[in-house]
Amino acid sequence: MRSTLRIFALAALIGYMAPKPAMALADDDAKSQKGKNPNETICESSPELGSRLVRHRVCMTRAQWAERRQADRQIVEHSQLQSCTRQAGC
């Protein structure tokens, strides 16, 4: 009885802590970007794969960052939909 209750509590906790769906995040992004200048340049530093020291600085406008996020999201969604066809006869 106690183990069943613990499993149920753990499942409820995991469900509560699960990340938001991508579309919900996109809506939050759009709301936070409304009053900001789309032509403002923003620079981000990203690490190079395979190196702990080398970092690359990428500068783009807010509009370009938003376009890049949308393109990345579409690539992920497309690959998730296509993964079933590549596996053993889904």
N, C-alpha and C. Protein backbone atom coordinates (compact mmCIF):
# COMPACT_ATOMS: atom_id res chain seq x y z
N MET A 1 0.82 -1.19 0.00
CA MET A 1 0.00 0.00 0.00
C MET A 1 0.87 1.26 0.00
N ARG A 2 1.89 1.27 0.88
CA ARG A 2 2.76 2.45 0.95
C ARG A 2 3.55 2.64 -0.33
N SER A 3 4.04 1.53 -0.92
CA SER A 3 4.82 1.66 -2.15
C SER A 3 3.96 2.20 -3.29
N THR A 4 2.70 1.80 -3.34
CA THR A 4 1.79 2.31 -4.36
C THR A 4 1.56 3.81 -4.17
N LEU A 5 1.40 4.21 -2.92
CA LEU A 5 1.21 5.63 -2.62
C LEU A 5 2.46 6.43 -2.98
N ARG A 6 3.64 5.88 -2.71
CA ARG A 6 4.88 6.57 -3.05
C ARG A 6 5.03 6.70 -4.56
N ILE A 7 4.70 5.66 -5.28
CA ILE A 7 4.79 5.71 -6.74
C ILE A 7 3.83 6.77 -7.29
N PHE A 8 2.62 6.81 -6.76
CA PHE A 8 1.64 7.80 -7.20
C PHE A 8 2.13 9.22 -6.90
N ALA A 9 2.69 9.43 -5.71
CA ALA A 9 3.20 10.75 -5.33
C ALA A 9 4.37 11.15 -6.23
N LEU A 10 5.24 10.20 -6.53
CA LEU A 10 6.38 10.49 -7.40
C LEU A 10 5.91 10.84 -8.82
N ALA A 11 4.92 10.10 -9.32
CA ALA A 11 4.38 10.39 -10.65
C ALA A 11 3.73 11.77 -10.69
N ALA A 12 3.02 12.13 -9.64
CA ALA A 12 2.39 13.45 -9.58
C ALA A 12 3.44 14.55 -9.54
N LEU A 13 4.51 14.33 -8.80
CA LEU A 13 5.59 15.32 -8.71
C LEU A 13 6.28 15.50 -10.05
N ILE A 14 6.54 14.41 -10.74
CA ILE A 14 7.19 14.48 -12.06
C ILE A 14 6.27 15.20 -13.04
N GLY A 15 4.99 14.91 -13.01
CA GLY A 15 4.04 15.58 -13.90
C GLY A 15 3.98 17.08 -13.64
N TYR A 16 4.08 17.46 -12.39
CA TYR A 16 4.03 18.88 -12.02
C TYR A 16 5.28 19.61 -12.49
N MET A 17 6.43 18.92 -12.43
CA MET A 17 7.70 19.55 -12.78
C MET A 17 8.03 19.44 -14.26
N ALA A 18 7.20 18.80 -15.05
CA ALA A 18 7.47 18.62 -16.48
C ALA A 18 7.53 19.99 -17.17
N PRO A 19 8.39 20.13 -18.17
CA PRO A 19 8.50 21.41 -18.87
C PRO A 19 7.26 21.71 -19.69
N LYS A 20 7.08 23.00 -19.98
CA LYS A 20 5.96 23.43 -20.80
C LYS A 20 6.14 22.94 -22.23
N PRO A 21 5.05 22.76 -22.97
CA PRO A 21 5.18 22.44 -24.39
C PRO A 21 5.83 23.60 -25.14
N ALA A 22 6.43 23.31 -26.28
CA ALA A 22 7.15 24.32 -27.05
C ALA A 22 6.24 25.47 -27.48
N MET A 23 5.00 25.19 -27.82
CA MET A 23 4.10 26.25 -28.26
C MET A 23 3.80 27.22 -27.12
N ALA A 24 3.68 26.72 -25.89
CA ALA A 24 3.45 27.59 -24.76
C ALA A 24 4.64 28.50 -24.54
N LEU A 25 5.85 27.97 -24.72
CA LEU A 25 7.04 28.78 -24.59
C LEU A 25 7.10 29.86 -25.67
N ALA A 26 6.66 29.53 -26.87
CA ALA A 26 6.65 30.50 -27.95
C ALA A 26 5.70 31.65 -27.63
N ASP A 27 4.55 31.34 -27.03
CA ASP A 27 3.60 32.38 -26.65
C ASP A 27 4.20 33.29 -25.59
N ASP A 28 4.89 32.70 -24.61
CA ASP A 28 5.54 33.50 -23.57
C ASP A 28 6.62 34.38 -24.18
N ASP A 29 7.38 33.85 -25.14
CA ASP A 29 8.42 34.62 -25.82
C ASP A 29 7.82 35.81 -26.54
N ALA A 30 6.72 35.58 -27.24
CA ALA A 30 6.08 36.65 -28.00
C ALA A 30 5.58 37.75 -27.06
N LYS A 31 5.03 37.37 -25.92
CA LYS A 31 4.53 38.36 -24.97
C LYS A 31 5.66 39.20 -24.39
N SER A 32 6.80 38.56 -24.08
CA SER A 32 7.90 39.29 -23.48
C SER A 32 8.62 40.18 -24.50
N GLN A 33 8.50 39.90 -25.79
CA GLN A 33 9.19 40.65 -26.83
C GLN A 33 8.37 41.82 -27.38
N LYS A 34 7.10 41.97 -26.98
CA LYS A 34 6.22 42.96 -27.59
C LYS A 34 6.75 44.39 -27.52
N GLY A 35 7.20 44.82 -26.36
CA GLY A 35 7.61 46.21 -26.21
C GLY A 35 9.07 46.46 -26.54
N LYS A 36 9.77 45.49 -27.07
CA LYS A 36 11.20 45.63 -27.32
C LYS A 36 11.48 45.87 -28.80
N ASN A 37 12.56 46.58 -29.05
CA ASN A 37 12.96 46.96 -30.40
C ASN A 37 13.47 45.72 -31.16
N PRO A 38 12.84 45.32 -32.28
CA PRO A 38 13.28 44.15 -33.01
C PRO A 38 14.62 44.34 -33.72
N ASN A 39 15.08 45.59 -33.84
CA ASN A 39 16.34 45.87 -34.52
C ASN A 39 17.52 45.99 -33.56
N GLU A 40 17.27 45.83 -32.27
CA GLU A 40 18.35 45.89 -31.28
C GLU A 40 19.25 44.67 -31.44
N THR A 41 20.56 44.89 -31.41
CA THR A 41 21.51 43.80 -31.56
C THR A 41 21.79 43.17 -30.21
N ILE A 42 21.74 41.84 -30.19
CA ILE A 42 22.00 41.08 -28.97
C ILE A 42 23.10 40.07 -29.29
N CYS A 43 24.09 40.00 -28.41
CA CYS A 43 25.19 39.06 -28.59
C CYS A 43 25.10 37.97 -27.54
N GLU A 44 25.34 36.73 -27.96
CA GLU A 44 25.36 35.59 -27.06
C GLU A 44 26.67 34.84 -27.27
N SER A 45 27.16 34.26 -26.21
CA SER A 45 28.39 33.49 -26.26
C SER A 45 28.03 32.02 -26.10
N SER A 46 28.50 31.18 -27.02
CA SER A 46 28.19 29.75 -26.95
C SER A 46 29.49 28.95 -26.99
N PRO A 47 29.54 27.86 -26.23
CA PRO A 47 30.75 27.05 -26.19
C PRO A 47 30.92 26.23 -27.46
N GLU A 48 32.17 25.95 -27.82
CA GLU A 48 32.45 25.09 -28.95
C GLU A 48 32.40 23.65 -28.48
N LEU A 49 31.76 22.81 -29.25
CA LEU A 49 31.66 21.41 -28.88
C LEU A 49 33.05 20.78 -28.84
N GLY A 50 33.33 20.04 -27.78
CA GLY A 50 34.61 19.37 -27.64
C GLY A 50 35.67 20.20 -26.95
N SER A 51 35.33 21.42 -26.54
CA SER A 51 36.30 22.27 -25.87
C SER A 51 35.66 22.91 -24.65
N ARG A 52 36.40 22.95 -23.57
CA ARG A 52 35.89 23.61 -22.37
C ARG A 52 36.26 25.09 -22.34
N LEU A 53 37.18 25.50 -23.17
CA LEU A 53 37.70 26.86 -23.09
C LEU A 53 37.23 27.76 -24.23
N VAL A 54 37.11 27.24 -25.43
CA VAL A 54 36.80 28.06 -26.60
C VAL A 54 35.30 28.38 -26.61
N ARG A 55 34.99 29.66 -26.79
CA ARG A 55 33.60 30.11 -26.88
C ARG A 55 33.47 30.99 -28.12
N HIS A 56 32.33 30.92 -28.76
CA HIS A 56 32.05 31.74 -29.94
C HIS A 56 30.99 32.77 -29.59
N ARG A 57 31.21 33.99 -30.04
CA ARG A 57 30.26 35.08 -29.81
C ARG A 57 29.45 35.29 -31.08
N VAL A 58 28.13 35.24 -30.95
CA VAL A 58 27.23 35.41 -32.09
C VAL A 58 26.36 36.63 -31.81
N CYS A 59 26.34 37.56 -32.75
CA CYS A 59 25.54 38.78 -32.60
C CYS A 59 24.50 38.83 -33.71
N MET A 60 23.24 39.03 -33.33
CA MET A 60 22.13 39.17 -34.27
C MET A 60 21.09 40.10 -33.66
N THR A 61 20.18 40.58 -34.50
CA THR A 61 19.10 41.41 -34.00
C THR A 61 18.06 40.53 -33.32
N ARG A 62 17.17 41.16 -32.54
CA ARG A 62 16.10 40.40 -31.87
C ARG A 62 15.26 39.64 -32.90
N ALA A 63 14.97 40.27 -34.02
CA ALA A 63 14.16 39.63 -35.06
C ALA A 63 14.87 38.41 -35.62
N GLN A 64 16.19 38.51 -35.83
CA GLN A 64 16.95 37.38 -36.34
C GLN A 64 17.01 36.24 -35.33
N TRP A 65 17.16 36.57 -34.02
CA TRP A 65 17.15 35.53 -32.99
C TRP A 65 15.80 34.82 -32.96
N ALA A 66 14.72 35.59 -33.07
CA ALA A 66 13.38 35.00 -33.06
C ALA A 66 13.19 34.08 -34.27
N GLU A 67 13.66 34.52 -35.43
CA GLU A 67 13.56 33.71 -36.64
C GLU A 67 14.38 32.42 -36.50
N ARG A 68 15.54 32.54 -35.89
CA ARG A 68 16.40 31.36 -35.69
C ARG A 68 15.74 30.36 -34.73
N ARG A 69 15.15 30.88 -33.63
CA ARG A 69 14.46 30.00 -32.68
C ARG A 69 13.31 29.28 -33.35
N GLN A 70 12.55 30.00 -34.19
CA GLN A 70 11.42 29.39 -34.89
C GLN A 70 11.91 28.32 -35.87
N ALA A 71 12.98 28.59 -36.60
CA ALA A 71 13.51 27.60 -37.54
C ALA A 71 14.02 26.37 -36.81
N ASP A 72 14.72 26.58 -35.68
CA ASP A 72 15.21 25.46 -34.88
C ASP A 72 14.05 24.61 -34.37
N ARG A 73 12.99 25.28 -33.92
CA ARG A 73 11.81 24.57 -33.40
C ARG A 73 11.16 23.74 -34.51
N GLN A 74 11.08 24.30 -35.71
CA GLN A 74 10.48 23.57 -36.83
C GLN A 74 11.33 22.35 -37.20
N ILE A 75 12.64 22.48 -37.15
CA ILE A 75 13.53 21.35 -37.46
C ILE A 75 13.32 20.23 -36.45
N VAL A 76 13.24 20.59 -35.17
CA VAL A 76 13.03 19.58 -34.13
C VAL A 76 11.69 18.89 -34.31
N GLU A 77 10.64 19.67 -34.54
CA GLU A 77 9.31 19.08 -34.72
C GLU A 77 9.27 18.16 -35.94
N HIS A 78 9.91 18.59 -37.02
CA HIS A 78 9.95 17.77 -38.23
C HIS A 78 10.70 16.46 -37.98
N SER A 79 11.84 16.54 -37.30
CA SER A 79 12.61 15.32 -37.03
C SER A 79 11.86 14.39 -36.08
N GLN A 80 11.09 14.93 -35.15
CA GLN A 80 10.30 14.09 -34.26
C GLN A 80 9.19 13.37 -35.01
N LEU A 81 8.61 14.04 -35.97
CA LEU A 81 7.54 13.41 -36.76
C LEU A 81 8.10 12.36 -37.70
N GLN A 82 9.30 12.58 -38.23
CA GLN A 82 9.90 11.67 -39.19
C GLN A 82 10.62 10.49 -38.53
N SER A 83 10.90 10.55 -37.24
CA SER A 83 11.68 9.51 -36.58
C SER A 83 10.95 8.16 -36.63
N CYS A 84 9.64 8.17 -36.62
CA CYS A 84 8.86 6.93 -36.65
C CYS A 84 9.04 6.22 -37.98
N THR A 85 9.15 6.93 -39.06
CA THR A 85 9.28 6.31 -40.38
C THR A 85 10.66 5.71 -40.60
N ARG A 86 11.69 6.24 -39.92
CA ARG A 86 13.05 5.73 -40.06
C ARG A 86 13.27 4.47 -39.23
N GLN A 87 12.48 4.29 -38.20
CA GLN A 87 12.66 3.11 -37.34
C GLN A 87 12.02 1.90 -38.01
N ALA A 88 12.12 0.78 -37.36
CA ALA A 88 11.65 -0.49 -37.91
C ALA A 88 10.14 -0.51 -38.12
N GLY A 89 9.69 -0.02 -39.23
CA GLY A 89 8.30 -0.13 -39.68
C GLY A 89 7.23 0.39 -38.73
N CYS A 90 7.35 1.59 -38.22
CA CYS A 90 6.31 2.17 -37.36
C CYS A 90 5.00 2.31 -38.10
